[in-house]
């Protein structure tokens, strides 16, 4: 289970605000590093629920111009809500104390920073909820041959991984499974839409955008 440098796939928030620019994250339980992206029957979640585990430490580092951590640390707001969201939508949350914080760089420029958070209360682990869409996906851009369109995922109740399927007249377009799509000559005169699927540890659900206007010729 030893491991560090958990990478950008983990989303870390401090008092509900994304910690911008965080490139590396590491976690330790009782001072021993663990890889929380590689779970098993004897994994970090089992250890987390062990009463003998007295502390959870999370370290983040990166470069950003707008760093909520620096503002809070030097403003005396060093205790707050820490949340780590995983690619499958699971969330680890705790009340934590930030110590220490350090940065280098000009005030008006980007800071290279490092901050460590230690839990000051029990850490809670929440499994991802089954995906539910509340605001349908949408398409931005002009529906015209050769002009790129972009899918907006809509609003969902949980996190996870998004996938896309562009459609012409309601039928799947072969190979059109990216967030963006550029209409081709065969789309001219037809309306396009995109189906967005959110997948996490609790399941998957799909929602489809409204249709564009009929695609214009180049």
N, C-alpha and C. Protein backbone atom coordinates (compact mmCIF):
# COMPACT_ATOMS: atom_id res chain seq x y z
N UNK A 1 0.81 -1.21 0.00
CA UNK A 1 0.00 0.00 0.00
C UNK A 1 0.84 1.27 0.00
N UNK A 2 2.15 1.14 0.18
CA UNK A 2 2.97 2.34 0.22
C UNK A 2 2.90 3.06 -1.10
N UNK A 3 2.90 4.38 -1.06
CA UNK A 3 2.89 5.13 -2.31
C UNK A 3 2.65 6.59 -2.07
N UNK A 4 3.12 7.42 -2.99
CA UNK A 4 2.90 8.85 -2.91
C UNK A 4 2.59 9.38 -4.30
N UNK A 5 2.62 10.71 -4.46
CA UNK A 5 2.38 11.36 -5.75
C UNK A 5 1.12 10.84 -6.41
N UNK A 6 -0.02 11.11 -5.80
CA UNK A 6 -1.28 10.55 -6.25
C UNK A 6 -1.81 11.19 -7.52
N UNK A 7 -1.25 12.33 -7.90
CA UNK A 7 -1.52 12.84 -9.23
C UNK A 7 -2.76 13.69 -9.37
N UNK A 8 -2.93 14.26 -10.55
CA UNK A 8 -4.00 15.23 -10.79
C UNK A 8 -5.38 14.61 -10.87
N UNK A 9 -5.49 13.26 -10.90
CA UNK A 9 -6.82 12.67 -11.01
C UNK A 9 -7.64 12.86 -9.75
N UNK A 10 -7.00 13.19 -8.63
CA UNK A 10 -7.73 13.46 -7.40
C UNK A 10 -8.04 14.95 -7.30
N UNK A 11 -9.28 15.27 -6.92
CA UNK A 11 -9.70 16.66 -6.75
C UNK A 11 -9.69 16.97 -5.26
N UNK A 12 -8.96 18.01 -4.86
CA UNK A 12 -8.87 18.37 -3.45
C UNK A 12 -9.48 19.76 -3.25
N UNK A 13 -10.39 19.87 -2.27
CA UNK A 13 -11.04 21.15 -1.97
C UNK A 13 -10.78 21.54 -0.52
N UNK A 14 -10.63 22.83 -0.31
CA UNK A 14 -10.45 23.39 1.03
C UNK A 14 -11.60 24.37 1.26
N UNK A 15 -12.44 24.06 2.26
CA UNK A 15 -13.63 24.87 2.53
C UNK A 15 -14.48 25.07 1.28
N UNK A 16 -14.59 23.99 0.50
CA UNK A 16 -15.44 24.00 -0.68
C UNK A 16 -14.81 24.59 -1.92
N UNK A 17 -13.57 25.10 -1.82
CA UNK A 17 -12.91 25.74 -2.95
C UNK A 17 -11.82 24.81 -3.49
N UNK A 18 -11.83 24.59 -4.79
CA UNK A 18 -10.81 23.75 -5.42
C UNK A 18 -9.44 24.33 -5.15
N UNK A 19 -8.49 23.49 -4.74
CA UNK A 19 -7.11 23.92 -4.56
C UNK A 19 -6.48 23.97 -5.94
N UNK A 20 -6.37 25.17 -6.49
CA UNK A 20 -5.93 25.34 -7.87
C UNK A 20 -4.48 24.98 -8.08
N UNK A 21 -4.20 24.31 -9.20
CA UNK A 21 -2.84 24.03 -9.60
C UNK A 21 -2.17 22.88 -8.89
N UNK A 22 -2.86 22.19 -7.99
CA UNK A 22 -2.23 21.10 -7.25
C UNK A 22 -1.80 19.99 -8.18
N UNK A 23 -0.50 19.73 -8.25
CA UNK A 23 0.03 18.73 -9.17
C UNK A 23 0.31 17.41 -8.49
N UNK A 24 0.64 17.46 -7.20
CA UNK A 24 0.95 16.24 -6.47
C UNK A 24 0.19 16.23 -5.16
N UNK A 25 -0.27 15.03 -4.79
CA UNK A 25 -0.94 14.86 -3.52
C UNK A 25 -0.41 13.58 -2.89
N UNK A 26 -0.25 13.57 -1.60
CA UNK A 26 0.12 12.34 -0.91
C UNK A 26 -0.66 12.25 0.39
N UNK A 27 -0.90 11.03 0.84
CA UNK A 27 -1.70 10.80 2.04
C UNK A 27 -0.96 9.83 2.95
N UNK A 28 -1.02 10.10 4.25
CA UNK A 28 -0.46 9.16 5.22
C UNK A 28 -1.46 8.94 6.34
N UNK A 29 -1.49 7.73 6.86
CA UNK A 29 -2.30 7.37 8.02
C UNK A 29 -1.34 7.06 9.16
N UNK A 30 -1.50 7.77 10.28
CA UNK A 30 -0.57 7.63 11.40
C UNK A 30 0.87 7.81 10.96
N UNK A 31 1.09 8.69 9.98
CA UNK A 31 2.44 8.98 9.53
C UNK A 31 3.00 8.04 8.50
N UNK A 32 2.25 7.00 8.11
CA UNK A 32 2.73 6.04 7.11
C UNK A 32 2.03 6.30 5.77
N UNK A 33 2.83 6.52 4.73
CA UNK A 33 2.26 6.84 3.41
C UNK A 33 1.43 5.68 2.89
N UNK A 34 0.28 6.01 2.29
CA UNK A 34 -0.57 5.00 1.66
C UNK A 34 -1.00 5.50 0.29
N UNK A 35 -1.24 4.56 -0.60
CA UNK A 35 -1.74 4.89 -1.94
C UNK A 35 -3.24 4.70 -1.94
N UNK A 36 -3.99 5.78 -1.82
CA UNK A 36 -5.44 5.65 -1.69
C UNK A 36 -6.13 5.47 -3.04
N UNK A 37 -5.37 5.40 -4.12
CA UNK A 37 -5.98 5.10 -5.41
C UNK A 37 -5.92 3.61 -5.72
N UNK A 38 -5.29 2.84 -4.85
CA UNK A 38 -5.12 1.40 -5.08
C UNK A 38 -5.68 0.67 -3.87
N UNK A 39 -6.99 0.47 -3.86
CA UNK A 39 -7.65 -0.12 -2.71
C UNK A 39 -7.82 -1.62 -2.89
N UNK A 40 -7.89 -2.34 -1.77
CA UNK A 40 -8.18 -3.77 -1.79
C UNK A 40 -8.82 -4.12 -0.46
N UNK A 41 -8.96 -5.42 -0.18
CA UNK A 41 -9.66 -5.83 1.03
C UNK A 41 -8.93 -5.39 2.29
N UNK A 42 -7.65 -5.15 2.18
CA UNK A 42 -6.87 -4.67 3.33
C UNK A 42 -6.35 -3.28 3.04
N UNK A 43 -7.14 -2.50 2.32
CA UNK A 43 -6.68 -1.21 1.82
C UNK A 43 -6.82 -0.08 2.81
N UNK A 44 -6.67 1.11 2.29
CA UNK A 44 -6.62 2.29 3.15
C UNK A 44 -7.94 2.57 3.84
N UNK A 45 -9.07 2.18 3.20
CA UNK A 45 -10.36 2.44 3.84
C UNK A 45 -10.53 1.59 5.09
N UNK A 46 -10.04 0.34 5.04
CA UNK A 46 -10.07 -0.51 6.22
C UNK A 46 -9.25 0.11 7.34
N UNK A 47 -8.07 0.60 6.98
CA UNK A 47 -7.21 1.24 7.97
C UNK A 47 -7.86 2.50 8.52
N UNK A 48 -8.53 3.25 7.67
CA UNK A 48 -9.16 4.50 8.08
C UNK A 48 -10.22 4.26 9.15
N UNK A 49 -10.92 3.13 9.05
CA UNK A 49 -11.98 2.82 10.01
C UNK A 49 -11.46 2.15 11.28
N UNK A 50 -10.14 1.96 11.35
CA UNK A 50 -9.52 1.36 12.53
C UNK A 50 -9.38 2.41 13.62
N UNK A 51 -9.93 2.17 14.83
CA UNK A 51 -9.83 3.17 15.90
C UNK A 51 -8.39 3.54 16.24
N UNK A 52 -7.45 2.65 15.91
CA UNK A 52 -6.05 2.93 16.22
C UNK A 52 -5.46 4.01 15.32
N UNK A 53 -6.13 4.30 14.22
CA UNK A 53 -5.65 5.35 13.33
C UNK A 53 -6.03 6.70 13.94
N UNK A 54 -5.02 7.45 14.35
CA UNK A 54 -5.26 8.70 15.06
C UNK A 54 -5.18 9.93 14.17
N UNK A 55 -4.50 9.81 13.03
CA UNK A 55 -4.35 11.01 12.21
C UNK A 55 -4.29 10.66 10.73
N UNK A 56 -4.83 11.55 9.93
CA UNK A 56 -4.74 11.47 8.48
C UNK A 56 -4.05 12.74 8.02
N UNK A 57 -2.96 12.61 7.29
CA UNK A 57 -2.23 13.77 6.77
C UNK A 57 -2.29 13.76 5.25
N UNK A 58 -2.61 14.91 4.67
CA UNK A 58 -2.65 15.06 3.22
C UNK A 58 -1.77 16.24 2.84
N UNK A 59 -0.85 15.99 1.90
CA UNK A 59 0.05 17.04 1.43
C UNK A 59 -0.23 17.33 -0.04
N UNK A 60 -0.30 18.60 -0.39
CA UNK A 60 -0.50 19.01 -1.78
C UNK A 60 0.57 20.01 -2.16
N UNK A 61 0.94 20.02 -3.43
CA UNK A 61 1.90 21.01 -3.91
C UNK A 61 1.58 21.35 -5.35
N UNK A 62 1.97 22.56 -5.78
CA UNK A 62 1.70 22.95 -7.15
C UNK A 62 2.02 24.40 -7.42
N UNK A 63 1.51 24.89 -8.52
CA UNK A 63 1.74 26.27 -8.93
C UNK A 63 0.39 26.89 -9.29
N UNK A 64 0.11 28.07 -8.76
CA UNK A 64 -1.13 28.75 -9.09
C UNK A 64 -1.01 30.24 -8.77
N UNK A 65 -1.77 31.05 -9.45
CA UNK A 65 -1.78 32.48 -9.16
C UNK A 65 -2.79 32.83 -8.07
N UNK A 66 -3.87 32.07 -7.99
CA UNK A 66 -4.91 32.33 -7.00
C UNK A 66 -4.97 31.15 -6.06
N UNK A 67 -4.37 31.29 -4.90
CA UNK A 67 -4.24 30.16 -4.00
C UNK A 67 -5.00 30.43 -2.71
N UNK A 68 -6.15 29.76 -2.55
CA UNK A 68 -6.96 29.92 -1.35
C UNK A 68 -6.19 29.51 -0.10
N UNK A 69 -5.25 28.58 -0.25
CA UNK A 69 -4.49 28.11 0.90
C UNK A 69 -3.63 29.23 1.49
N UNK A 70 -2.96 29.97 0.62
CA UNK A 70 -2.10 31.05 1.09
C UNK A 70 -2.92 32.13 1.80
N UNK A 71 -4.05 32.49 1.21
CA UNK A 71 -4.91 33.52 1.80
C UNK A 71 -5.35 33.10 3.19
N UNK A 72 -5.81 31.85 3.33
CA UNK A 72 -6.30 31.40 4.62
C UNK A 72 -5.18 31.23 5.64
N UNK A 73 -4.06 30.66 5.19
CA UNK A 73 -2.98 30.38 6.13
C UNK A 73 -2.45 31.67 6.75
N UNK A 74 -2.14 32.65 5.92
CA UNK A 74 -1.59 33.89 6.44
C UNK A 74 -2.66 34.81 7.02
N UNK A 75 -3.92 34.47 6.78
CA UNK A 75 -5.01 35.21 7.39
C UNK A 75 -5.46 34.62 8.71
N UNK A 76 -4.81 33.54 9.13
CA UNK A 76 -5.14 32.91 10.40
C UNK A 76 -6.25 31.89 10.34
N UNK A 77 -6.76 31.61 9.13
CA UNK A 77 -7.84 30.62 8.99
C UNK A 77 -7.23 29.27 8.62
N UNK A 78 -6.59 28.63 9.59
CA UNK A 78 -5.81 27.43 9.31
C UNK A 78 -6.56 26.14 9.57
N UNK A 79 -7.77 26.23 10.09
CA UNK A 79 -8.58 25.03 10.28
C UNK A 79 -9.81 25.14 9.39
N UNK A 80 -10.14 24.05 8.70
CA UNK A 80 -11.29 24.09 7.81
C UNK A 80 -11.69 22.72 7.34
N UNK A 81 -12.57 22.69 6.35
CA UNK A 81 -13.09 21.44 5.80
C UNK A 81 -12.24 21.03 4.60
N UNK A 82 -11.68 19.84 4.66
CA UNK A 82 -10.87 19.29 3.57
C UNK A 82 -11.64 18.16 2.91
N UNK A 83 -11.66 18.15 1.59
CA UNK A 83 -12.40 17.13 0.85
C UNK A 83 -11.56 16.64 -0.32
N UNK A 84 -11.48 15.32 -0.46
CA UNK A 84 -10.77 14.70 -1.58
C UNK A 84 -11.78 13.88 -2.37
N UNK A 85 -11.91 14.20 -3.66
CA UNK A 85 -12.84 13.47 -4.53
C UNK A 85 -12.05 12.63 -5.51
N UNK A 86 -12.43 11.36 -5.64
CA UNK A 86 -11.73 10.42 -6.50
C UNK A 86 -12.40 10.33 -7.85
N UNK A 87 -11.71 9.79 -8.87
CA UNK A 87 -12.29 9.72 -10.21
C UNK A 87 -13.63 8.98 -10.26
N UNK A 88 -13.86 8.04 -9.34
CA UNK A 88 -15.12 7.30 -9.36
C UNK A 88 -16.22 8.00 -8.59
N UNK A 89 -15.95 9.20 -8.06
CA UNK A 89 -16.97 9.95 -7.34
C UNK A 89 -16.96 9.77 -5.84
N UNK A 90 -16.17 8.83 -5.30
CA UNK A 90 -16.06 8.66 -3.86
C UNK A 90 -15.45 9.92 -3.25
N UNK A 91 -15.79 10.19 -1.99
CA UNK A 91 -15.30 11.40 -1.32
C UNK A 91 -14.78 11.07 0.07
N UNK A 92 -13.59 11.57 0.39
CA UNK A 92 -13.02 11.52 1.73
C UNK A 92 -13.07 12.94 2.29
N UNK A 93 -13.68 13.11 3.45
CA UNK A 93 -13.80 14.45 4.02
C UNK A 93 -13.42 14.44 5.49
N UNK A 94 -12.95 15.60 5.96
CA UNK A 94 -12.53 15.71 7.36
C UNK A 94 -12.38 17.18 7.71
N UNK A 95 -12.41 17.47 9.00
CA UNK A 95 -11.96 18.76 9.48
C UNK A 95 -10.46 18.65 9.68
N UNK A 96 -9.72 19.61 9.13
CA UNK A 96 -8.26 19.49 9.14
C UNK A 96 -7.61 20.81 9.51
N UNK A 97 -6.36 20.70 9.99
CA UNK A 97 -5.55 21.86 10.33
C UNK A 97 -4.40 21.96 9.35
N UNK A 98 -4.22 23.13 8.73
CA UNK A 98 -3.18 23.32 7.73
C UNK A 98 -1.86 23.69 8.40
N UNK A 99 -0.83 22.85 8.18
CA UNK A 99 0.49 23.13 8.77
C UNK A 99 1.55 22.29 8.08
N UNK A 100 2.66 22.77 7.69
CA UNK A 100 2.84 24.21 7.47
C UNK A 100 2.39 24.55 6.06
N UNK A 101 2.52 25.83 5.73
CA UNK A 101 2.32 26.27 4.35
C UNK A 101 3.58 27.01 3.94
N UNK A 102 4.06 26.78 2.72
CA UNK A 102 5.22 27.52 2.25
C UNK A 102 5.05 27.82 0.77
N UNK A 103 5.62 28.97 0.33
CA UNK A 103 5.57 29.28 -1.09
C UNK A 103 6.79 30.11 -1.48
N UNK A 104 7.04 30.14 -2.79
CA UNK A 104 8.09 30.98 -3.34
C UNK A 104 7.54 31.65 -4.58
N UNK A 105 8.12 32.78 -4.97
CA UNK A 105 7.67 33.46 -6.16
C UNK A 105 7.19 34.86 -5.87
N UNK A 106 7.17 35.69 -6.89
CA UNK A 106 6.72 37.07 -6.73
C UNK A 106 5.24 37.12 -6.41
N UNK A 107 4.83 38.13 -5.63
CA UNK A 107 3.43 38.23 -5.19
C UNK A 107 2.47 38.29 -6.36
N UNK A 108 2.85 39.01 -7.43
CA UNK A 108 1.95 39.16 -8.57
C UNK A 108 2.07 38.01 -9.57
N UNK A 109 2.95 37.08 -9.28
CA UNK A 109 3.19 35.97 -10.20
C UNK A 109 2.65 34.68 -9.58
N UNK A 110 2.90 33.58 -10.26
CA UNK A 110 2.46 32.29 -9.73
C UNK A 110 3.32 31.88 -8.54
N UNK A 111 2.71 31.23 -7.57
CA UNK A 111 3.42 30.69 -6.43
C UNK A 111 3.64 29.19 -6.61
N UNK A 112 4.82 28.74 -6.24
CA UNK A 112 5.01 27.31 -6.02
C UNK A 112 4.74 27.08 -4.54
N UNK A 113 3.81 26.21 -4.22
CA UNK A 113 3.41 26.08 -2.83
C UNK A 113 3.42 24.62 -2.39
N UNK A 114 3.44 24.44 -1.09
CA UNK A 114 3.25 23.12 -0.49
C UNK A 114 2.53 23.32 0.83
N UNK A 115 1.52 22.51 1.06
CA UNK A 115 0.77 22.60 2.31
C UNK A 115 0.43 21.20 2.78
N UNK A 116 0.46 21.01 4.08
CA UNK A 116 0.09 19.74 4.68
C UNK A 116 -1.10 19.96 5.61
N UNK A 117 -2.07 19.07 5.52
CA UNK A 117 -3.27 19.13 6.36
C UNK A 117 -3.28 17.91 7.28
N UNK A 118 -3.54 18.12 8.55
CA UNK A 118 -3.69 17.02 9.49
C UNK A 118 -5.12 17.02 10.02
N UNK A 119 -5.73 15.85 10.04
CA UNK A 119 -7.11 15.77 10.51
C UNK A 119 -7.19 16.19 11.97
N UNK A 120 -8.19 17.00 12.28
CA UNK A 120 -8.43 17.39 13.67
C UNK A 120 -9.72 16.78 14.18
N UNK A 121 -10.30 15.92 13.37
CA UNK A 121 -11.50 15.17 13.74
C UNK A 121 -11.55 13.90 12.93
N UNK A 122 -12.59 13.12 13.12
CA UNK A 122 -12.69 11.86 12.39
C UNK A 122 -12.83 12.11 10.89
N UNK A 123 -12.14 11.29 10.10
CA UNK A 123 -12.27 11.36 8.64
C UNK A 123 -13.44 10.49 8.21
N UNK A 124 -14.22 10.97 7.26
CA UNK A 124 -15.39 10.23 6.77
C UNK A 124 -15.20 9.86 5.31
N UNK A 125 -15.53 8.62 5.00
CA UNK A 125 -15.45 8.16 3.61
C UNK A 125 -16.86 7.89 3.11
N UNK A 126 -17.20 8.47 1.96
CA UNK A 126 -18.54 8.32 1.39
C UNK A 126 -18.45 7.72 0.00
N UNK A 127 -19.13 6.60 -0.19
CA UNK A 127 -19.16 5.98 -1.51
C UNK A 127 -19.90 6.89 -2.49
N UNK A 128 -19.51 6.80 -3.74
CA UNK A 128 -20.17 7.60 -4.77
C UNK A 128 -21.66 7.26 -4.84
N UNK A 129 -22.47 8.27 -5.05
CA UNK A 129 -23.90 8.07 -5.25
C UNK A 129 -24.17 7.65 -6.69
N UNK A 130 -25.26 6.94 -6.91
CA UNK A 130 -25.64 6.60 -8.28
C UNK A 130 -25.89 7.88 -9.06
N UNK A 131 -25.35 8.01 -10.27
CA UNK A 131 -25.48 9.25 -11.03
C UNK A 131 -26.93 9.59 -11.36
N UNK A 132 -27.30 10.84 -11.14
CA UNK A 132 -28.61 11.36 -11.51
C UNK A 132 -28.40 12.73 -12.15
N UNK A 133 -28.97 12.93 -13.32
CA UNK A 133 -28.84 14.21 -14.02
C UNK A 133 -29.99 15.14 -13.64
N UNK A 134 -29.66 16.41 -13.34
CA UNK A 134 -30.70 17.39 -13.00
C UNK A 134 -30.82 18.50 -14.03
N UNK A 135 -29.76 18.77 -14.78
CA UNK A 135 -29.80 19.73 -15.89
C UNK A 135 -29.22 19.04 -17.11
N UNK A 136 -30.00 18.97 -18.18
CA UNK A 136 -29.58 18.22 -19.37
C UNK A 136 -28.30 18.77 -19.99
N UNK A 137 -27.55 17.90 -20.65
CA UNK A 137 -26.39 18.37 -21.42
C UNK A 137 -26.83 19.38 -22.48
N UNK A 138 -25.86 20.14 -22.97
CA UNK A 138 -26.13 21.14 -24.01
C UNK A 138 -24.95 21.20 -24.96
N UNK A 139 -25.16 21.84 -26.09
CA UNK A 139 -24.12 21.97 -27.12
C UNK A 139 -23.85 23.44 -27.37
N UNK A 140 -22.57 23.80 -27.37
CA UNK A 140 -22.20 25.18 -27.70
C UNK A 140 -21.49 25.20 -29.04
N UNK A 141 -21.68 26.29 -29.78
CA UNK A 141 -21.06 26.43 -31.08
C UNK A 141 -22.10 26.57 -32.18
N UNK A 142 -21.65 26.92 -33.36
CA UNK A 142 -22.53 27.09 -34.52
C UNK A 142 -22.62 25.77 -35.28
N UNK A 143 -23.83 25.33 -35.54
CA UNK A 143 -24.04 24.07 -36.27
C UNK A 143 -23.76 24.29 -37.75
N UNK A 144 -22.50 24.15 -38.11
CA UNK A 144 -22.08 24.37 -39.49
C UNK A 144 -20.94 23.42 -39.84
N UNK A 145 -20.95 22.94 -41.04
CA UNK A 145 -19.89 22.04 -41.51
C UNK A 145 -18.52 22.68 -41.26
N UNK A 146 -17.64 21.91 -40.61
CA UNK A 146 -16.28 22.38 -40.36
C UNK A 146 -16.10 23.24 -39.13
N UNK A 147 -17.17 23.53 -38.40
CA UNK A 147 -17.09 24.37 -37.20
C UNK A 147 -17.27 23.48 -35.97
N UNK A 148 -16.32 23.52 -35.07
CA UNK A 148 -16.33 22.62 -33.92
C UNK A 148 -17.45 22.94 -32.93
N UNK A 149 -18.11 21.88 -32.48
CA UNK A 149 -19.13 21.96 -31.43
C UNK A 149 -18.56 21.36 -30.15
N UNK A 150 -19.03 21.84 -29.01
CA UNK A 150 -18.54 21.36 -27.72
C UNK A 150 -19.71 20.95 -26.84
N UNK A 151 -19.57 19.82 -26.16
CA UNK A 151 -20.62 19.33 -25.27
C UNK A 151 -20.43 19.90 -23.87
N UNK A 152 -21.52 20.38 -23.28
CA UNK A 152 -21.58 20.74 -21.86
C UNK A 152 -22.24 19.57 -21.16
N UNK A 153 -21.62 19.05 -20.10
CA UNK A 153 -22.08 17.79 -19.50
C UNK A 153 -23.42 17.89 -18.80
N UNK A 154 -23.86 19.10 -18.47
CA UNK A 154 -25.07 19.24 -17.67
C UNK A 154 -24.71 19.23 -16.20
N UNK A 155 -25.70 19.08 -15.35
CA UNK A 155 -25.48 19.07 -13.90
C UNK A 155 -25.87 17.71 -13.35
N UNK A 156 -24.98 17.14 -12.52
CA UNK A 156 -25.19 15.82 -11.95
C UNK A 156 -25.03 15.89 -10.43
N UNK A 157 -25.54 14.88 -9.76
CA UNK A 157 -25.52 14.87 -8.30
C UNK A 157 -24.22 14.36 -7.71
N UNK A 158 -23.31 13.85 -8.55
CA UNK A 158 -22.11 13.21 -8.03
C UNK A 158 -21.00 13.30 -9.06
N UNK A 159 -19.83 12.81 -8.70
CA UNK A 159 -18.70 12.83 -9.61
C UNK A 159 -18.51 11.51 -10.32
N UNK A 160 -17.51 11.46 -11.18
CA UNK A 160 -17.21 10.26 -11.94
C UNK A 160 -16.55 10.62 -13.25
N UNK A 161 -16.66 9.72 -14.21
CA UNK A 161 -16.04 9.92 -15.51
C UNK A 161 -17.11 10.10 -16.58
N UNK A 162 -16.97 11.16 -17.38
CA UNK A 162 -17.93 11.43 -18.45
C UNK A 162 -17.47 10.80 -19.76
N UNK A 163 -18.44 10.31 -20.52
CA UNK A 163 -18.19 9.86 -21.89
C UNK A 163 -19.28 10.45 -22.79
N UNK A 164 -19.02 10.47 -24.08
CA UNK A 164 -19.87 11.21 -25.01
C UNK A 164 -20.20 10.37 -26.25
N UNK A 165 -21.39 10.59 -26.79
CA UNK A 165 -21.77 10.00 -28.07
C UNK A 165 -22.59 11.02 -28.85
N UNK A 166 -21.99 11.52 -29.93
CA UNK A 166 -22.70 12.47 -30.79
C UNK A 166 -23.65 11.74 -31.71
N UNK A 167 -24.78 12.41 -32.01
CA UNK A 167 -25.83 11.78 -32.79
C UNK A 167 -26.27 12.70 -33.93
N UNK A 168 -26.65 12.09 -35.03
CA UNK A 168 -27.23 12.79 -36.17
C UNK A 168 -28.65 12.28 -36.33
N UNK A 169 -29.62 13.17 -36.13
CA UNK A 169 -31.01 12.74 -36.23
C UNK A 169 -31.37 11.64 -35.25
N UNK A 170 -30.68 11.59 -34.13
CA UNK A 170 -30.95 10.58 -33.11
C UNK A 170 -30.16 9.31 -33.27
N UNK A 171 -29.41 9.15 -34.35
CA UNK A 171 -28.60 7.96 -34.58
C UNK A 171 -27.13 8.25 -34.26
N UNK A 172 -26.47 7.27 -33.65
CA UNK A 172 -25.07 7.45 -33.28
C UNK A 172 -24.20 7.73 -34.50
N UNK A 173 -23.26 8.66 -34.35
CA UNK A 173 -22.27 8.94 -35.38
C UNK A 173 -21.03 8.12 -35.04
N UNK A 174 -20.62 7.26 -35.92
CA UNK A 174 -19.49 6.38 -35.66
C UNK A 174 -18.23 7.14 -35.32
N UNK A 175 -17.59 6.76 -34.22
CA UNK A 175 -16.32 7.36 -33.83
C UNK A 175 -16.43 8.73 -33.20
N UNK A 176 -17.64 9.27 -33.08
CA UNK A 176 -17.81 10.62 -32.52
C UNK A 176 -18.07 10.51 -31.02
N UNK A 177 -17.02 10.23 -30.27
CA UNK A 177 -17.16 9.96 -28.84
C UNK A 177 -16.29 10.88 -27.98
N UNK A 178 -15.93 12.02 -28.51
CA UNK A 178 -15.14 13.00 -27.75
C UNK A 178 -16.05 14.11 -27.24
N UNK A 179 -15.51 14.96 -26.40
CA UNK A 179 -16.26 16.11 -25.87
C UNK A 179 -16.61 17.09 -26.98
N UNK A 180 -15.81 17.11 -28.04
CA UNK A 180 -16.05 18.01 -29.16
C UNK A 180 -16.36 17.21 -30.43
N UNK A 181 -17.05 17.86 -31.35
CA UNK A 181 -17.34 17.22 -32.64
C UNK A 181 -17.42 18.31 -33.71
N UNK A 182 -16.83 18.02 -34.86
CA UNK A 182 -16.87 18.94 -35.99
C UNK A 182 -17.74 18.35 -37.10
N UNK A 183 -18.88 18.95 -37.41
CA UNK A 183 -19.77 18.41 -38.43
C UNK A 183 -19.08 18.27 -39.79
N UNK A 184 -19.46 17.20 -40.49
CA UNK A 184 -18.90 16.92 -41.82
C UNK A 184 -20.01 17.11 -42.85
N UNK A 185 -19.64 16.92 -44.11
CA UNK A 185 -20.59 17.17 -45.19
C UNK A 185 -21.85 16.32 -45.05
N UNK A 186 -21.69 15.10 -44.50
CA UNK A 186 -22.85 14.22 -44.34
C UNK A 186 -23.83 14.69 -43.29
N UNK A 187 -23.43 15.65 -42.47
CA UNK A 187 -24.32 16.19 -41.43
C UNK A 187 -25.14 17.38 -41.91
N UNK A 188 -24.77 17.94 -43.06
CA UNK A 188 -25.44 19.15 -43.56
C UNK A 188 -26.94 18.88 -43.74
N UNK A 189 -27.75 19.77 -43.19
CA UNK A 189 -29.19 19.63 -43.28
C UNK A 189 -29.82 18.84 -42.16
N UNK A 190 -28.99 18.24 -41.31
CA UNK A 190 -29.51 17.43 -40.20
C UNK A 190 -29.23 18.12 -38.87
N UNK A 191 -30.02 17.76 -37.86
CA UNK A 191 -29.82 18.28 -36.50
C UNK A 191 -28.96 17.30 -35.71
N UNK A 192 -28.08 17.84 -34.86
CA UNK A 192 -27.18 17.03 -34.06
C UNK A 192 -27.53 17.13 -32.58
N UNK A 193 -27.19 16.09 -31.84
CA UNK A 193 -27.34 16.10 -30.39
C UNK A 193 -26.18 15.30 -29.81
N UNK A 194 -26.06 15.31 -28.49
CA UNK A 194 -25.00 14.54 -27.84
C UNK A 194 -25.56 13.89 -26.58
N UNK A 195 -25.25 12.60 -26.41
CA UNK A 195 -25.60 11.87 -25.20
C UNK A 195 -24.37 11.85 -24.30
N UNK A 196 -24.56 12.21 -23.04
CA UNK A 196 -23.47 12.22 -22.06
C UNK A 196 -23.75 11.15 -21.02
N UNK A 197 -22.76 10.32 -20.75
CA UNK A 197 -22.89 9.27 -19.75
C UNK A 197 -21.91 9.53 -18.62
N UNK A 198 -22.41 9.49 -17.38
CA UNK A 198 -21.56 9.62 -16.20
C UNK A 198 -21.45 8.25 -15.54
N UNK A 199 -20.22 7.80 -15.35
CA UNK A 199 -19.96 6.49 -14.75
C UNK A 199 -19.11 6.67 -13.50
N UNK A 200 -19.53 6.01 -12.41
CA UNK A 200 -18.71 6.00 -11.20
C UNK A 200 -18.85 4.64 -10.52
N UNK A 201 -18.36 4.55 -9.29
CA UNK A 201 -18.38 3.27 -8.60
C UNK A 201 -19.76 2.75 -8.27
N UNK A 202 -20.78 3.61 -8.36
CA UNK A 202 -22.14 3.20 -8.03
C UNK A 202 -22.99 2.89 -9.25
N UNK A 203 -22.47 3.13 -10.44
CA UNK A 203 -23.25 2.84 -11.64
C UNK A 203 -23.01 3.85 -12.74
N UNK A 204 -23.96 3.91 -13.67
CA UNK A 204 -23.85 4.82 -14.82
C UNK A 204 -25.24 5.30 -15.20
N UNK A 205 -25.29 6.51 -15.75
CA UNK A 205 -26.55 7.06 -16.25
C UNK A 205 -26.24 7.97 -17.41
N UNK A 206 -27.21 8.09 -18.32
CA UNK A 206 -27.02 8.92 -19.52
C UNK A 206 -28.11 9.97 -19.62
N UNK A 207 -27.77 11.08 -20.25
CA UNK A 207 -28.74 12.13 -20.55
C UNK A 207 -28.36 12.73 -21.90
N UNK A 208 -29.37 13.12 -22.66
CA UNK A 208 -29.13 13.61 -24.03
C UNK A 208 -29.54 15.06 -24.16
N UNK A 209 -28.72 15.82 -24.86
CA UNK A 209 -28.98 17.24 -25.08
C UNK A 209 -30.15 17.43 -26.02
N UNK A 210 -30.64 18.66 -26.09
CA UNK A 210 -31.55 19.02 -27.15
C UNK A 210 -30.80 19.07 -28.47
N UNK A 211 -31.53 19.12 -29.56
CA UNK A 211 -30.91 19.11 -30.88
C UNK A 211 -30.48 20.51 -31.30
N UNK A 212 -29.44 20.56 -32.11
CA UNK A 212 -29.02 21.82 -32.71
C UNK A 212 -29.98 22.18 -33.84
N UNK A 213 -29.80 23.36 -34.39
CA UNK A 213 -30.45 23.68 -35.65
C UNK A 213 -29.85 22.79 -36.73
N UNK A 214 -30.50 22.68 -37.87
CA UNK A 214 -29.95 21.88 -38.96
C UNK A 214 -28.58 22.43 -39.36
N UNK A 215 -27.63 21.52 -39.56
CA UNK A 215 -26.26 21.92 -39.87
C UNK A 215 -26.20 22.65 -41.21
N UNK A 216 -25.51 23.79 -41.20
CA UNK A 216 -25.34 24.58 -42.41
C UNK A 216 -24.15 24.09 -43.22
N UNK A 217 -24.19 24.31 -44.50
CA UNK A 217 -23.04 23.98 -45.34
C UNK A 217 -21.92 24.98 -45.08
N UNK A 218 -20.70 24.55 -45.37
CA UNK A 218 -19.53 25.42 -45.15
C UNK A 218 -19.60 26.65 -46.05
